[in-house]
Amino acid sequence: MSMQESGEMYLETIYILSQKHSSVRSIDVAEAMGYSKPSVSRALGLLKKNGYAETDTAGNITLTKEGKKIAKDIYERHTVLSTMFRRLGVDEKTAVEDACRVEHYISDKTFKAIKKHLKDYPEEK
């Protein structure tokens, strides 16, 4: 992906928050990510400049079509990778943390192979 990891993290966080709440504001993103509001404002400015996010007059953040696509892709990578790590016997906390790191760097080819493998071998109940 051409976007930097930090931009992907912001998009993913906004996407996740928008699934849980009717509106997302900078303060929500700052709290969720543990960053300062000025840091979030700078990042949001870049996301808006690059056409990934918009804000309305009330300060509510929405993702553009392109921003949402990237966010959904990253979130899917996160969930699939953390599932794979848990199935390998990794504890939940480590699986989620490692998935968060790997999701930004894994190739599309490898990710598709992992998805296929998980689909072909569903978790036993």
C-alpha atoms as a PDB file:
ATOM      1  CA  MET A   1       0.000   0.000   0.000  1.00  0.00           C
ATOM      2  CA  SER A   2       1.193   3.481  -0.714  1.00  0.00           C
ATOM      3  CA  MET A   3      -0.188   4.981   2.498  1.00  0.00           C
ATOM      4  CA  GLN A   4       2.007   5.045   5.592  1.00  0.00           C
ATOM      5  CA  GLU A   5       1.219   2.778   8.525  1.00  0.00           C
ATOM      6  CA  SER A   6       0.134   5.695  10.723  1.00  0.00           C
ATOM      7  CA  GLY A   7      -2.435   6.837   8.157  1.00  0.00           C
ATOM      8  CA  GLU A   8      -3.800   3.305   7.909  1.00  0.00           C
ATOM      9  CA  MET A   9      -4.083   3.136  11.697  1.00  0.00           C
ATOM     10  CA  TYR A  10      -6.088   6.365  11.784  1.00  0.00           C
ATOM     11  CA  LEU A  11      -8.410   5.164   9.027  1.00  0.00           C
ATOM     12  CA  GLU A  12      -8.911   1.819  10.752  1.00  0.00           C
ATOM     13  CA  THR A  13      -9.651   3.526  14.088  1.00  0.00           C
ATOM     14  CA  ILE A  14     -12.167   5.923  12.519  1.00  0.00           C
ATOM     15  CA  TYR A  15     -13.804   2.979  10.742  1.00  0.00           C
ATOM     16  CA  ILE A  16     -14.076   0.904  13.933  1.00  0.00           C
ATOM     17  CA  LEU A  17     -15.452   3.858  15.908  1.00  0.00           C
ATOM     18  CA  SER A  18     -17.993   4.604  13.158  1.00  0.00           C
ATOM     19  CA  GLN A  19     -19.269   1.023  13.442  1.00  0.00           C
ATOM     20  CA  LYS A  20     -19.925   1.530  17.159  1.00  0.00           C
ATOM     21  CA  HIS A  21     -21.128   5.153  17.283  1.00  0.00           C
ATOM     22  CA  SER A  22     -23.359   7.366  15.161  1.00  0.00           C
ATOM     23  CA  SER A  23     -20.714  10.100  15.033  1.00  0.00           C
ATOM     24  CA  VAL A  24     -16.941  10.178  15.362  1.00  0.00           C
ATOM     25  CA  ARG A  25     -15.011  13.264  16.429  1.00  0.00           C
ATOM     26  CA  SER A  26     -11.298  13.977  16.816  1.00  0.00           C
ATOM     27  CA  ILE A  27     -11.501  13.545  20.591  1.00  0.00           C
ATOM     28  CA  ASP A  28     -12.920  10.027  20.104  1.00  0.00           C
ATOM     29  CA  VAL A  29     -10.009   9.114  17.836  1.00  0.00           C
ATOM     30  CA  ALA A  30      -7.501  10.634  20.269  1.00  0.00           C
ATOM     31  CA  GLU A  31      -8.928   8.641  23.177  1.00  0.00           C
ATOM     32  CA  ALA A  32      -9.098   5.391  21.203  1.00  0.00           C
ATOM     33  CA  MET A  33      -5.519   5.670  19.967  1.00  0.00           C
ATOM     34  CA  GLY A  34      -4.000   7.259  23.063  1.00  0.00           C
ATOM     35  CA  TYR A  35      -2.750  10.279  21.116  1.00  0.00           C
ATOM     36  CA  SER A  36      -3.056  13.989  21.812  1.00  0.00           C
ATOM     37  CA  LYS A  37      -5.801  15.973  20.111  1.00  0.00           C
ATOM     38  CA  PRO A  38      -3.216  18.120  18.234  1.00  0.00           C
ATOM     39  CA  SER A  39      -1.606  14.939  16.840  1.00  0.00           C
ATOM     40  CA  VAL A  40      -4.988  13.674  15.675  1.00  0.00           C
ATOM     41  CA  SER A  41      -5.792  17.069  14.144  1.00  0.00           C
ATOM     42  CA  ARG A  42      -2.562  16.997  12.117  1.00  0.00           C
ATOM     43  CA  ALA A  43      -3.209  13.452  10.932  1.00  0.00           C
ATOM     44  CA  LEU A  44      -6.819  14.230  10.101  1.00  0.00           C
ATOM     45  CA  GLY A  45      -5.658  17.229   8.074  1.00  0.00           C
ATOM     46  CA  LEU A  46      -3.464  14.910   5.994  1.00  0.00           C
ATOM     47  CA  LEU A  47      -6.275  12.385   5.574  1.00  0.00           C
ATOM     48  CA  LYS A  48      -8.593  15.147   4.381  1.00  0.00           C
ATOM     49  CA  LYS A  49      -5.939  16.623   2.077  1.00  0.00           C
ATOM     50  CA  ASN A  50      -5.413  13.201   0.474  1.00  0.00           C
ATOM     51  CA  GLY A  51      -9.143  12.592   0.058  1.00  0.00           C
ATOM     52  CA  TYR A  52      -9.589   9.844   2.658  1.00  0.00           C
ATOM     53  CA  ALA A  53     -11.725  11.667   5.236  1.00  0.00           C
ATOM     54  CA  GLU A  54     -14.070  14.617   5.604  1.00  0.00           C
ATOM     55  CA  THR A  55     -15.416  16.602   8.535  1.00  0.00           C
ATOM     56  CA  ASP A  56     -18.680  18.492   8.744  1.00  0.00           C
ATOM     57  CA  THR A  57     -19.273  21.829  10.464  1.00  0.00           C
ATOM     58  CA  ALA A  58     -19.966  20.048  13.767  1.00  0.00           C
ATOM     59  CA  GLY A  59     -16.594  18.286  13.628  1.00  0.00           C
ATOM     60  CA  ASN A  60     -17.961  14.840  12.786  1.00  0.00           C
ATOM     61  CA  ILE A  61     -15.517  12.725  10.800  1.00  0.00           C
ATOM     62  CA  THR A  62     -16.579  10.518   7.913  1.00  0.00           C
ATOM     63  CA  LEU A  63     -14.448   8.429   5.613  1.00  0.00           C
ATOM     64  CA  THR A  64     -14.636   8.950   1.876  1.00  0.00           C
ATOM     65  CA  LYS A  65     -15.276   5.974  -0.373  1.00  0.00           C
ATOM     66  CA  GLU A  66     -11.512   5.487  -0.833  1.00  0.00           C
ATOM     67  CA  GLY A  67     -10.822   6.003   2.881  1.00  0.00           C
ATOM     68  CA  LYS A  68     -13.456   3.458   3.841  1.00  0.00           C
ATOM     69  CA  LYS A  69     -12.066   0.926   1.351  1.00  0.00           C
ATOM     70  CA  ILE A  70      -8.573   1.188   2.824  1.00  0.00           C
ATOM     71  CA  ALA A  71      -9.919   1.062   6.386  1.00  0.00           C
ATOM     72  CA  LYS A  72     -12.020  -2.033   5.687  1.00  0.00           C
ATOM     73  CA  ASP A  73      -9.062  -3.769   4.036  1.00  0.00           C
ATOM     74  CA  ILE A  74      -6.798  -3.046   7.014  1.00  0.00           C
ATOM     75  CA  TYR A  75      -9.486  -4.110   9.485  1.00  0.00           C
ATOM     76  CA  GLU A  76      -9.999  -7.375   7.575  1.00  0.00           C
ATOM     77  CA  ARG A  77      -6.257  -8.033   7.650  1.00  0.00           C
ATOM     78  CA  HIS A  78      -6.251  -7.362  11.389  1.00  0.00           C
ATOM     79  CA  THR A  79      -9.114  -9.739  12.139  1.00  0.00           C
ATOM     80  CA  VAL A  80      -7.866 -12.530   9.862  1.00  0.00           C
ATOM     81  CA  LEU A  81      -4.292 -12.328  11.137  1.00  0.00           C
ATOM     82  CA  SER A  82      -5.298 -12.209  14.796  1.00  0.00           C
ATOM     83  CA  THR A  83      -7.539 -15.249  14.188  1.00  0.00           C
ATOM     84  CA  MET A  84      -4.653 -17.116  12.565  1.00  0.00           C
ATOM     85  CA  PHE A  85      -2.287 -16.286  15.431  1.00  0.00           C
ATOM     86  CA  ARG A  86      -4.852 -17.416  18.038  1.00  0.00           C
ATOM     87  CA  ARG A  87      -5.351 -20.692  16.148  1.00  0.00           C
ATOM     88  CA  LEU A  88      -1.606 -21.201  16.300  1.00  0.00           C
ATOM     89  CA  GLY A  89      -1.860 -21.027  20.092  1.00  0.00           C
ATOM     90  CA  VAL A  90      -0.824 -17.417  20.628  1.00  0.00           C
ATOM     91  CA  ASP A  91      -2.605 -15.699  23.527  1.00  0.00           C
ATOM     92  CA  GLU A  92      -5.242 -13.077  22.660  1.00  0.00           C
ATOM     93  CA  LYS A  93      -3.240  -9.996  23.661  1.00  0.00           C
ATOM     94  CA  THR A  94      -0.132 -11.014  21.732  1.00  0.00           C
ATOM     95  CA  ALA A  95      -2.179 -12.168  18.720  1.00  0.00           C
ATOM     96  CA  VAL A  96      -3.913  -8.782  18.464  1.00  0.00           C
ATOM     97  CA  GLU A  97      -0.688  -6.805  18.958  1.00  0.00           C
ATOM     98  CA  ASP A  98       1.216  -8.858  16.382  1.00  0.00           C
ATOM     99  CA  ALA A  99      -1.663  -8.683  13.887  1.00  0.00           C
ATOM    100  CA  CYS A 100      -1.607  -4.903  14.278  1.00  0.00           C
ATOM    101  CA  ARG A 101       2.057  -4.841  13.254  1.00  0.00           C
ATOM    102  CA  VAL A 102       1.885  -7.386  10.426  1.00  0.00           C
ATOM    103  CA  GLU A 103      -1.332  -6.076   8.817  1.00  0.00           C
ATOM    104  CA  HIS A 104       0.520  -3.093   7.336  1.00  0.00           C
ATOM    105  CA  TYR A 105       3.372  -5.013   5.713  1.00  0.00           C
ATOM    106  CA  ILE A 106       2.077  -8.398   4.574  1.00  0.00           C
ATOM    107  CA  SER A 107       1.786  -8.794   0.807  1.00  0.00           C
ATOM    108  CA  ASP A 108      -1.596  -9.217  -0.834  1.00  0.00           C
ATOM    109  CA  LYS A 109      -0.467 -12.605  -2.159  1.00  0.00           C
ATOM    110  CA  THR A 110       0.423 -13.933   1.298  1.00  0.00           C
ATOM    111  CA  PHE A 111      -2.703 -12.469   2.880  1.00  0.00           C
ATOM    112  CA  LYS A 112      -4.937 -14.130   0.279  1.00  0.00           C
ATOM    113  CA  ALA A 113      -3.191 -17.463   0.964  1.00  0.00           C
ATOM    114  CA  ILE A 114      -3.830 -17.078   4.717  1.00  0.00           C
ATOM    115  CA  LYS A 115      -7.501 -16.254   4.126  1.00  0.00           C
ATOM    116  CA  LYS A 116      -7.864 -19.296   1.878  1.00  0.00           C
ATOM    117  CA  HIS A 117      -6.145 -21.525   4.412  1.00  0.00           C
ATOM    118  CA  LEU A 118      -8.396 -20.342   7.247  1.00  0.00           C
ATOM    119  CA  LYS A 119     -11.466 -20.836   5.072  1.00  0.00           C
ATOM    120  CA  ASP A 120     -10.323 -24.317   3.985  1.00  0.00           C
ATOM    121  CA  TYR A 121      -9.589 -25.309   7.585  1.00  0.00           C
ATOM    122  CA  PRO A 122     -12.256 -23.763   9.799  1.00  0.00           C
ATOM    123  CA  GLU A 123     -11.707 -23.774  13.515  1.00  0.00           C
ATOM    124  CA  GLU A 124     -12.917 -26.921  15.224  1.00  0.00           C
ATOM    125  CA  LYS A 125     -15.642 -26.496  17.805  1.00  0.00           C
END
